[in-house]
Amino acid sequence: MTESMTEPKTESEYRPAECHEATILLERARAEVVPVLRAAIGSMPGPLRRIGLYHFGWENADGTPATGGSGKAIRPALVLAAASALGGPAARAAALRAAAAVELVHNFTLLHDDVMDRDTTRRHRPTVWTVFGDDDAILAGDALQALALRLLAEDPHPASRAAVARLADCVVELCAGQQADTAMERRDPGEVTLEETLAMAEAKTGALLGCACALGALYAGAAAADVAALDAFGRESGLAFQLIDDVIGIWGDPRHTGKPAGADLAARKKSLPVVAALTSGTPAASELAGLYGAPHADEEDLEYIALTVERAGGRDWAQAQAADRMARVMQELARAVPDPEAAGGLLALAEFVTRRTA
């Protein structure tokens, strides 16, 4: 392993070439997966198909064509990169259905999350529930999950049976993580621990990234130990991703994120930076607990709450934790793919998602 593969870099050390490599991988994954996704959504009954096409940005609410983006395709890119790293181009081509299935599951979670969180904007346009209503958004999400499992169940590849079971288990874990998240929102700020918040984040975010990498390994015919190592690689990447996502959720620029500033704080979400701040034992932590107990906040209040989270150390902790998780990412990747050249695509994607700004 080279030094850059074993030690996470700071922002100033992050090489533009790595971001460029990740961008190429993401663009290629989108180009290959979108036709599979379109075909799957095209098989849905009319009203659900219309919602699916709107959600992915391919149609407007009135059914006219749209040019909106369908997401970054991080998870499909991980499936394909894992398959390529362990099995070469043939395994990558064989894993295309698995890559689309993972993206369908991801979008199922987005549709449901937006309803539960009452988020009104995603990908710079109104969320599905605000356009079509709660019921249709939930049902469309259910249909996307079913499409994902059908894609794998109908796949003649010998890994498909193991893949569909792993993806189904992942959905159960995702739901458990979401349930834990919503339950935390009803609890007093002082009752939530950092340990359980990290466990919730692994289930909500790390599980699907781990599953994506594991599916790629399965389609490459990898040994069980390598499948497990890539699952761990994805999970640690997911935790780093969630840590940065939570930072963006508080301090991100709406022009880049496509979501309102301070939305997580307005909803009193117990995100990782917030819980770290609340449990810091600092004077700012006590102040934050009081602020989080207040029922409403205007824009100025949200700015002050964000500042209080930062003063209590929440932002610094989240960024340090993301770097620590990246160190673990390197370890798991080295275990499964010891050749740095073969591991390059997976590494580029992991570093891309943890150094993003939107």
Protein backbone atom coordinates (compact mmCIF):
# COMPACT_ATOMS: atom_id res chain seq x y z
CA MET A 1 0.00 0.00 0.00
CA THR A 2 1.13 3.52 -0.76
CA GLU A 3 0.94 6.21 1.90
CA SER A 4 -2.02 7.83 0.15
CA MET A 5 -3.91 4.53 0.36
CA THR A 6 -3.41 4.10 4.09
CA GLU A 7 -3.73 7.62 5.49
CA PRO A 8 -6.68 9.94 4.77
CA LYS A 9 -5.71 13.23 3.19
CA THR A 10 -6.75 16.69 4.29
CA GLU A 11 -8.72 18.94 1.96
CA SER A 12 -5.51 20.69 0.90
CA GLU A 13 -3.89 17.35 0.02
CA TYR A 14 -6.86 16.03 -1.96
CA ARG A 15 -5.77 15.64 -5.59
CA PRO A 16 -8.06 16.99 -8.33
CA ALA A 17 -7.15 13.92 -10.40
CA GLU A 18 -8.96 11.70 -7.90
CA CYS A 19 -12.10 13.82 -8.11
CA HIS A 20 -11.83 13.64 -11.89
CA GLU A 21 -11.57 9.84 -11.78
CA ALA A 22 -14.64 9.60 -9.54
CA THR A 23 -16.57 11.92 -11.84
CA ILE A 24 -15.76 9.71 -14.82
CA LEU A 25 -16.85 6.60 -12.90
CA LEU A 26 -20.12 8.24 -11.86
CA GLU A 27 -20.88 9.49 -15.36
CA ARG A 28 -20.16 6.07 -16.82
CA ALA A 29 -22.32 4.36 -14.20
CA ARG A 30 -25.21 6.74 -14.91
CA ALA A 31 -24.92 6.18 -18.65
CA GLU A 32 -25.05 2.40 -18.22
CA VAL A 33 -27.64 2.18 -15.46
CA VAL A 34 -30.18 4.76 -16.65
CA PRO A 35 -31.49 2.59 -19.53
CA VAL A 36 -32.04 -0.29 -17.08
CA LEU A 37 -33.80 2.05 -14.66
CA ARG A 38 -35.97 3.54 -17.41
CA ALA A 39 -36.99 0.08 -18.57
CA ALA A 40 -37.86 -0.98 -15.03
CA ILE A 41 -39.90 2.16 -14.33
CA GLY A 42 -41.50 1.88 -17.75
CA SER A 43 -42.94 -1.48 -16.67
CA MET A 44 -44.92 0.14 -13.84
CA PRO A 45 -48.66 0.88 -14.16
CA GLY A 46 -49.42 4.32 -15.64
CA PRO A 47 -49.91 6.51 -12.53
CA LEU A 48 -46.93 4.96 -10.70
CA ARG A 49 -44.81 5.19 -13.84
CA ARG A 50 -45.56 8.90 -14.07
CA ILE A 51 -44.47 9.44 -10.47
CA GLY A 52 -41.31 7.42 -11.00
CA LEU A 53 -40.37 9.36 -14.10
CA TYR A 54 -40.95 12.63 -12.24
CA HIS A 55 -38.91 11.54 -9.24
CA PHE A 56 -35.92 10.58 -11.38
CA GLY A 57 -36.10 13.92 -13.18
CA TRP A 58 -37.01 12.54 -16.58
CA GLU A 59 -40.48 14.11 -16.77
CA ASN A 60 -42.22 17.15 -15.36
CA ALA A 61 -45.34 16.81 -13.21
CA ASP A 62 -47.54 17.23 -16.29
CA GLY A 63 -45.78 14.37 -18.10
CA THR A 64 -43.73 16.51 -20.48
CA PRO A 65 -40.04 15.60 -20.90
CA ALA A 66 -37.58 17.09 -18.41
CA THR A 67 -33.81 17.30 -18.30
CA GLY A 68 -33.33 17.10 -14.54
CA GLY A 69 -30.66 14.90 -13.02
CA SER A 70 -31.51 11.47 -11.63
CA GLY A 71 -28.95 11.61 -8.84
CA LYS A 72 -25.21 11.13 -8.53
CA ALA A 73 -25.33 7.33 -9.04
CA ILE A 74 -22.85 6.77 -6.22
CA ARG A 75 -24.29 3.39 -5.23
CA PRO A 76 -24.47 1.92 -8.74
CA ALA A 77 -20.93 3.14 -9.35
CA LEU A 78 -19.79 1.30 -6.22
CA VAL A 79 -21.44 -1.94 -7.41
CA LEU A 80 -19.71 -1.69 -10.76
CA ALA A 81 -16.35 -0.61 -9.33
CA ALA A 82 -16.37 -3.50 -6.83
CA ALA A 83 -17.20 -6.01 -9.55
CA SER A 84 -14.46 -4.59 -11.75
CA ALA A 85 -11.87 -4.56 -8.95
CA LEU A 86 -12.38 -8.24 -8.15
CA GLY A 87 -13.50 -9.68 -11.48
CA GLY A 88 -12.53 -7.35 -14.29
CA PRO A 89 -14.65 -5.99 -17.17
CA ALA A 90 -16.76 -9.14 -17.56
CA ALA A 91 -17.87 -9.06 -13.93
CA ARG A 92 -18.60 -5.35 -14.23
CA ALA A 93 -20.86 -5.91 -17.23
CA ALA A 94 -22.63 -8.78 -15.46
CA ALA A 95 -23.36 -6.60 -12.41
CA LEU A 96 -25.40 -3.99 -14.27
CA ARG A 97 -28.77 -5.29 -13.05
CA ALA A 98 -27.46 -5.34 -9.49
CA ALA A 99 -26.29 -1.75 -9.85
CA ALA A 100 -29.75 -0.68 -11.04
CA ALA A 101 -31.41 -2.63 -8.22
CA VAL A 102 -29.37 -0.83 -5.59
CA GLU A 103 -30.27 2.53 -7.12
CA LEU A 104 -33.96 1.63 -7.10
CA VAL A 105 -33.76 0.75 -3.40
CA HIS A 106 -31.95 4.02 -2.71
CA ASN A 107 -34.73 5.97 -4.42
CA PHE A 108 -37.39 4.01 -2.56
CA THR A 109 -35.81 5.30 0.66
CA LEU A 110 -35.70 8.86 -0.68
CA LEU A 111 -39.41 8.88 -1.50
CA HIS A 112 -40.30 7.61 1.96
CA ASP A 113 -37.80 9.84 3.75
CA ASP A 114 -39.19 12.95 2.06
CA VAL A 115 -42.69 12.10 3.26
CA MET A 116 -41.56 11.41 6.83
CA ASP A 117 -39.24 14.40 7.03
CA ARG A 118 -41.67 16.69 5.14
CA ASP A 119 -38.83 17.82 2.90
CA THR A 120 -40.21 19.94 0.08
CA THR A 121 -37.20 20.02 -2.25
CA ARG A 122 -34.97 17.32 -3.73
CA ARG A 123 -32.61 17.62 -6.68
CA HIS A 124 -33.64 21.25 -7.08
CA ARG A 125 -37.33 20.51 -7.67
CA PRO A 126 -40.44 19.88 -5.51
CA THR A 127 -40.48 16.49 -3.83
CA VAL A 128 -42.93 13.85 -5.01
CA TRP A 129 -45.25 14.05 -2.02
CA THR A 130 -45.71 17.81 -2.50
CA VAL A 131 -46.78 17.22 -6.10
CA PHE A 132 -48.68 13.92 -6.01
CA GLY A 133 -49.54 13.56 -2.31
CA ASP A 134 -48.33 11.35 0.52
CA ASP A 135 -50.17 8.20 -0.53
CA ASP A 136 -48.83 8.16 -4.07
CA ALA A 137 -45.30 8.96 -2.93
CA ILE A 138 -45.31 6.05 -0.47
CA LEU A 139 -46.81 3.63 -2.97
CA ALA A 140 -44.35 4.66 -5.68
CA GLY A 141 -41.52 4.04 -3.23
CA ASP A 142 -42.91 0.59 -2.45
CA ALA A 143 -43.07 -0.16 -6.16
CA LEU A 144 -39.42 0.87 -6.67
CA GLN A 145 -38.36 -1.55 -3.96
CA ALA A 146 -40.33 -4.35 -5.61
CA LEU A 147 -38.76 -3.53 -8.98
CA ALA A 148 -35.30 -3.79 -7.43
CA LEU A 149 -35.95 -7.25 -6.05
CA ARG A 150 -37.53 -8.37 -9.33
CA LEU A 151 -34.49 -7.22 -11.30
CA LEU A 152 -32.28 -9.51 -9.25
CA ALA A 153 -34.76 -12.39 -9.01
CA GLU A 154 -35.03 -12.53 -12.81
CA ASP A 155 -31.27 -12.25 -13.35
CA PRO A 156 -29.85 -15.58 -14.62
CA HIS A 157 -26.42 -14.82 -13.13
CA PRO A 158 -25.39 -17.43 -10.51
CA ALA A 159 -24.87 -14.70 -7.89
CA SER A 160 -28.41 -13.35 -8.21
CA ARG A 161 -29.93 -15.54 -5.49
CA ALA A 162 -27.38 -14.47 -2.90
CA ALA A 163 -27.67 -10.89 -4.13
CA VAL A 164 -31.45 -10.68 -3.77
CA ALA A 165 -31.27 -12.12 -0.24
CA ARG A 166 -28.56 -9.64 0.74
CA LEU A 167 -30.48 -6.71 -0.72
CA ALA A 168 -33.67 -7.78 1.07
CA ASP A 169 -31.76 -8.00 4.36
CA CYS A 170 -30.37 -4.55 3.66
CA VAL A 171 -33.88 -3.12 3.18
CA VAL A 172 -34.88 -4.51 6.58
CA GLU A 173 -31.81 -2.88 8.12
CA LEU A 174 -32.57 0.40 6.36
CA CYS A 175 -36.09 0.38 7.75
CA ALA A 176 -34.81 -0.38 11.24
CA GLY A 177 -32.39 2.52 10.97
CA GLN A 178 -35.12 4.87 9.81
CA GLN A 179 -37.38 3.72 12.63
CA ALA A 180 -34.60 4.40 15.14
CA ASP A 181 -34.08 7.83 13.59
CA THR A 182 -37.73 8.83 13.83
CA ALA A 183 -37.97 7.46 17.38
CA MET A 184 -34.98 9.60 18.38
CA GLU A 185 -36.73 12.71 17.13
CA ARG A 186 -39.46 12.19 19.74
CA ARG A 187 -36.99 11.86 22.61
CA ASP A 188 -35.54 14.60 24.76
CA PRO A 189 -32.22 15.89 23.36
CA GLY A 190 -30.42 14.87 26.54
CA GLU A 191 -31.55 11.24 26.26
CA VAL A 192 -29.89 10.41 22.93
CA THR A 193 -26.38 8.96 23.03
CA LEU A 194 -23.69 9.30 20.40
CA GLU A 195 -23.23 5.52 20.25
CA GLU A 196 -26.84 4.83 19.28
CA THR A 197 -26.79 7.70 16.79
CA LEU A 198 -23.75 6.17 15.07
CA ALA A 199 -25.49 2.77 14.99
CA MET A 200 -28.56 4.39 13.46
CA ALA A 201 -26.43 6.12 10.82
CA GLU A 202 -24.72 2.87 9.89
CA ALA A 203 -28.10 1.20 9.38
CA LYS A 204 -29.61 4.13 7.44
CA THR A 205 -26.65 4.99 5.22
CA GLY A 206 -23.77 2.58 5.67
CA ALA A 207 -25.85 -0.54 5.10
CA LEU A 208 -26.79 0.28 1.50
CA LEU A 209 -23.28 1.38 0.51
CA GLY A 210 -21.95 -1.80 2.08
CA CYS A 211 -24.55 -3.84 0.23
CA ALA A 212 -23.64 -2.13 -3.05
CA CYS A 213 -20.00 -3.11 -2.68
CA ALA A 214 -20.88 -6.62 -1.53
CA LEU A 215 -23.16 -7.16 -4.54
CA GLY A 216 -20.34 -6.15 -6.86
CA ALA A 217 -18.07 -8.65 -5.12
CA LEU A 218 -20.71 -11.39 -5.40
CA TYR A 219 -21.05 -10.82 -9.13
CA ALA A 220 -17.27 -11.08 -9.42
CA GLY A 221 -17.39 -14.51 -7.77
CA ALA A 222 -15.32 -13.28 -4.82
CA ALA A 223 -14.57 -15.33 -1.72
CA ALA A 224 -16.76 -14.80 1.34
CA ALA A 225 -13.97 -12.98 3.19
CA ASP A 226 -13.58 -10.49 0.34
CA VAL A 227 -17.34 -9.94 0.13
CA ALA A 228 -17.36 -9.21 3.88
CA ALA A 229 -14.39 -6.84 3.61
CA LEU A 230 -16.03 -4.88 0.81
CA ASP A 231 -19.27 -4.73 2.78
CA ALA A 232 -17.27 -3.25 5.68
CA PHE A 233 -15.52 -0.88 3.26
CA GLY A 234 -18.89 0.36 2.07
CA ARG A 235 -20.31 0.68 5.56
CA GLU A 236 -17.37 2.76 6.76
CA SER A 237 -17.63 4.87 3.62
CA GLY A 238 -21.32 5.28 4.38
CA LEU A 239 -20.65 6.51 7.89
CA ALA A 240 -18.10 8.99 6.58
CA PHE A 241 -20.67 10.00 3.95
CA GLN A 242 -23.37 10.49 6.60
CA LEU A 243 -21.07 12.55 8.78
CA ILE A 244 -20.33 14.90 5.92
CA ASP A 245 -23.97 14.86 4.81
CA ASP A 246 -25.01 15.94 8.30
CA VAL A 247 -22.46 18.76 8.19
CA ILE A 248 -23.88 19.85 4.84
CA GLY A 249 -27.40 19.57 6.26
CA ILE A 250 -26.52 22.30 8.77
CA TRP A 251 -23.91 24.43 7.01
CA GLY A 252 -24.40 23.63 3.31
CA ASP A 253 -25.27 26.23 0.67
CA PRO A 254 -28.86 25.70 -0.62
CA ARG A 255 -27.71 26.74 -4.10
CA HIS A 256 -25.59 23.60 -4.19
CA THR A 257 -27.58 21.22 -1.99
CA GLY A 258 -31.01 21.91 -3.49
CA LYS A 259 -32.49 21.90 0.03
CA PRO A 260 -33.41 24.79 2.35
CA ALA A 261 -30.68 26.07 4.68
CA GLY A 262 -30.93 24.70 8.20
CA ALA A 263 -33.68 22.22 7.32
CA ASP A 264 -32.26 19.59 9.69
CA LEU A 265 -32.09 22.10 12.53
CA ALA A 266 -35.59 23.38 11.85
CA ALA A 267 -36.85 19.79 12.09
CA ARG A 268 -34.80 19.36 15.28
CA LYS A 269 -33.11 16.32 13.76
CA LYS A 270 -30.61 14.67 16.05
CA SER A 271 -27.92 14.44 13.42
CA LEU A 272 -24.40 13.33 14.30
CA PRO A 273 -22.90 16.84 14.70
CA VAL A 274 -25.86 17.87 16.87
CA VAL A 275 -25.66 14.81 19.15
CA ALA A 276 -21.87 15.21 19.40
CA ALA A 277 -22.43 18.82 20.43
CA LEU A 278 -25.19 17.91 22.90
CA THR A 279 -23.00 15.28 24.58
CA SER A 280 -19.82 17.39 24.63
CA GLY A 281 -20.21 18.52 28.24
CA THR A 282 -19.49 22.13 27.26
CA PRO A 283 -21.45 25.24 28.26
CA ALA A 284 -22.54 25.50 24.63
CA ALA A 285 -24.00 21.97 24.92
CA SER A 286 -26.32 23.08 27.70
CA GLU A 287 -27.37 26.10 25.69
CA LEU A 288 -27.99 23.92 22.64
CA ALA A 289 -30.21 21.56 24.64
CA GLY A 290 -32.39 24.52 25.56
CA LEU A 291 -32.51 25.78 22.01
CA TYR A 292 -33.42 22.34 20.70
CA GLY A 293 -36.28 22.15 23.18
CA ALA A 294 -37.89 25.29 21.75
CA PRO A 295 -40.74 24.48 19.33
CA HIS A 296 -40.11 27.02 16.55
CA ALA A 297 -37.23 28.93 15.00
CA ASP A 298 -36.95 31.56 12.29
CA GLU A 299 -33.97 31.94 9.96
CA GLU A 300 -32.01 34.03 12.43
CA ASP A 301 -32.64 31.49 15.20
CA LEU A 302 -31.45 28.66 12.94
CA GLU A 303 -28.22 30.52 12.22
CA TYR A 304 -27.63 30.91 15.95
CA ILE A 305 -28.38 27.22 16.60
CA ALA A 306 -25.87 26.26 13.90
CA LEU A 307 -23.29 28.51 15.54
CA THR A 308 -24.00 26.91 18.92
CA VAL A 309 -23.52 23.41 17.47
CA GLU A 310 -20.18 24.59 16.13
CA ARG A 311 -19.14 26.19 19.42
CA ALA A 312 -19.95 22.93 21.22
CA GLY A 313 -17.57 21.08 18.90
CA GLY A 314 -20.13 19.26 16.76
CA ARG A 315 -18.72 20.33 13.42
CA ASP A 316 -15.08 19.58 14.32
CA TRP A 317 -16.05 16.19 15.78
CA ALA A 318 -17.97 15.20 12.66
CA GLN A 319 -15.13 16.15 10.37
CA ALA A 320 -12.57 14.31 12.53
CA GLN A 321 -14.80 11.25 12.66
CA ALA A 322 -15.16 11.29 8.88
CA ALA A 323 -11.35 11.22 8.58
CA ASP A 324 -11.17 8.32 11.07
CA ARG A 325 -13.78 6.37 9.12
CA MET A 326 -11.79 6.95 5.95
CA ALA A 327 -8.77 5.35 7.63
CA ARG A 328 -10.91 2.28 8.28
CA VAL A 329 -12.11 2.42 4.69
CA MET A 330 -8.51 2.09 3.52
CA GLN A 331 -7.91 -0.89 5.78
CA GLU A 332 -10.95 -2.82 4.56
CA LEU A 333 -10.21 -2.02 0.93
CA ALA A 334 -6.61 -3.23 1.29
CA ARG A 335 -7.91 -6.47 2.76
CA ALA A 336 -10.23 -7.20 -0.17
CA VAL A 337 -8.24 -5.64 -3.02
CA PRO A 338 -4.52 -5.48 -2.12
CA ASP A 339 -3.52 -4.23 -5.59
CA PRO A 340 -3.69 -0.38 -5.41
CA GLU A 341 -4.29 -0.10 -9.15
CA ALA A 342 -7.29 -2.45 -9.05
CA ALA A 343 -8.63 -0.68 -5.95
CA GLY A 344 -8.29 2.78 -7.48
CA GLY A 345 -11.89 3.15 -8.61
CA LEU A 346 -13.36 2.19 -5.24
CA LEU A 347 -10.94 4.50 -3.45
CA ALA A 348 -11.75 7.41 -5.74
CA LEU A 349 -15.47 6.98 -5.12
CA ALA A 350 -15.04 6.70 -1.35
CA GLU A 351 -12.94 9.86 -1.24
CA PHE A 352 -15.33 11.69 -3.54
CA VAL A 353 -18.40 11.14 -1.38
CA THR A 354 -16.61 12.17 1.80
CA ARG A 355 -15.18 15.35 0.35
CA ARG A 356 -18.29 16.59 -1.41
CA THR A 357 -20.00 19.90 -0.70
CA ALA A 358 -23.51 19.07 -1.92
